[in-house]
Protein backbone atom coordinates (compact mmCIF):
# COMPACT_ATOMS: atom_id res chain seq x y z
CA MET A 1 -13.60 0.48 -20.39
CA LYS A 2 -11.60 -2.36 -19.25
CA ILE A 3 -8.29 -2.91 -17.32
CA SER A 4 -6.34 -6.01 -18.19
CA ALA A 5 -5.17 -8.06 -15.18
CA GLN A 6 -1.14 -7.55 -16.27
CA ILE A 7 -2.49 -3.75 -16.00
CA SER A 8 -4.20 -4.04 -12.76
CA LEU A 9 -1.02 -6.51 -11.45
CA TRP A 10 1.68 -3.77 -12.15
CA GLY A 11 -0.24 -0.66 -11.37
CA SER A 12 -1.80 -2.13 -8.01
CA ALA A 13 2.36 -3.34 -7.02
CA ILE A 14 3.74 0.24 -7.90
CA PHE A 15 0.58 1.55 -5.71
CA ALA A 16 1.61 -0.51 -2.76
CA LEU A 17 5.79 -0.14 -3.34
CA PHE A 18 4.65 4.08 -3.05
CA CYS A 19 1.95 3.41 -0.11
CA LEU A 20 4.51 1.52 2.03
CA GLY A 21 7.03 4.26 1.61
CA TYR A 22 5.13 6.30 3.01
CA ALA A 23 4.02 4.47 5.40
CA LEU A 24 7.87 3.48 6.16
CA SER A 25 8.91 7.23 6.02
CA GLY A 26 5.75 8.13 8.11
CA PHE A 27 7.01 5.11 11.32
CA SER A 28 10.15 6.85 11.01
CA SER A 29 9.52 9.80 11.51
CA LEU A 30 8.18 9.70 14.86
CA ASP A 31 10.85 10.00 17.30
CA ALA A 32 11.19 13.48 16.04
CA MET A 33 8.09 14.70 17.19
CA ALA A 34 8.09 15.95 20.67
CA ASP A 35 4.26 16.19 21.07
CA GLU A 36 2.37 13.36 22.24
CA ALA A 37 -1.08 13.48 20.51
CA THR A 38 1.18 14.97 16.87
CA ARG A 39 2.64 11.39 17.86
CA ALA A 40 -0.37 9.63 17.76
CA ASP A 41 -2.24 11.66 14.78
CA ALA A 42 1.19 10.73 12.73
CA ARG A 43 1.24 7.03 13.75
CA GLY A 44 -2.51 7.21 12.71
CA PHE A 45 -1.83 8.34 9.51
CA ALA A 46 1.50 6.04 8.95
CA PHE A 47 -1.22 3.08 9.66
CA PHE A 48 -3.80 3.83 7.36
CA TRP A 49 -0.98 3.75 4.73
CA LEU A 50 0.18 0.69 5.53
CA PHE A 51 -3.27 -0.57 5.57
CA LEU A 52 -3.53 1.25 1.81
CA ALA A 53 -0.28 -0.56 1.06
CA ILE A 54 -2.05 -4.14 2.38
CA VAL A 55 -4.74 -3.29 0.05
CA GLY A 56 -2.48 -2.77 -3.04
CA ILE A 57 -0.75 -5.93 -2.17
CA ALA A 58 -4.08 -7.61 -1.96
CA THR A 59 -5.16 -6.87 -5.91
CA ALA A 60 -1.87 -7.63 -7.42
CA PHE A 61 -2.20 -11.00 -5.65
CA ALA A 62 -5.18 -11.35 -6.88
CA SER A 63 -4.73 -9.76 -10.29
CA TRP A 64 -1.15 -12.35 -10.30
CA TRP A 65 -3.51 -15.24 -9.71
CA LEU A 66 -5.71 -14.04 -12.73
CA VAL A 67 -3.30 -13.73 -15.05
CA LYS A 68 -1.17 -17.63 -14.04
CA HIS A 69 -4.81 -19.07 -13.52
CA GLY A 70 -7.53 -17.10 -15.70
CA SER A 71 -8.02 -18.79 -19.11
CA ASP A 72 -7.78 -22.17 -17.44
């Protein structure tokens, strides 16, 4: 099965937005946690989602580059 560069671009952009939203939600709820160990675990989980968002952005950028320069 082949995935076109444009489908990969939009899929990666949607994935990156989802992950970024989840990471920001995790970071914004850190103050409400009372236990320091739980707060540290939640911070690590939010950083993991931020990492996934960065991977999605990089994939979307690579797909965008292929769409613009792939047929040269």
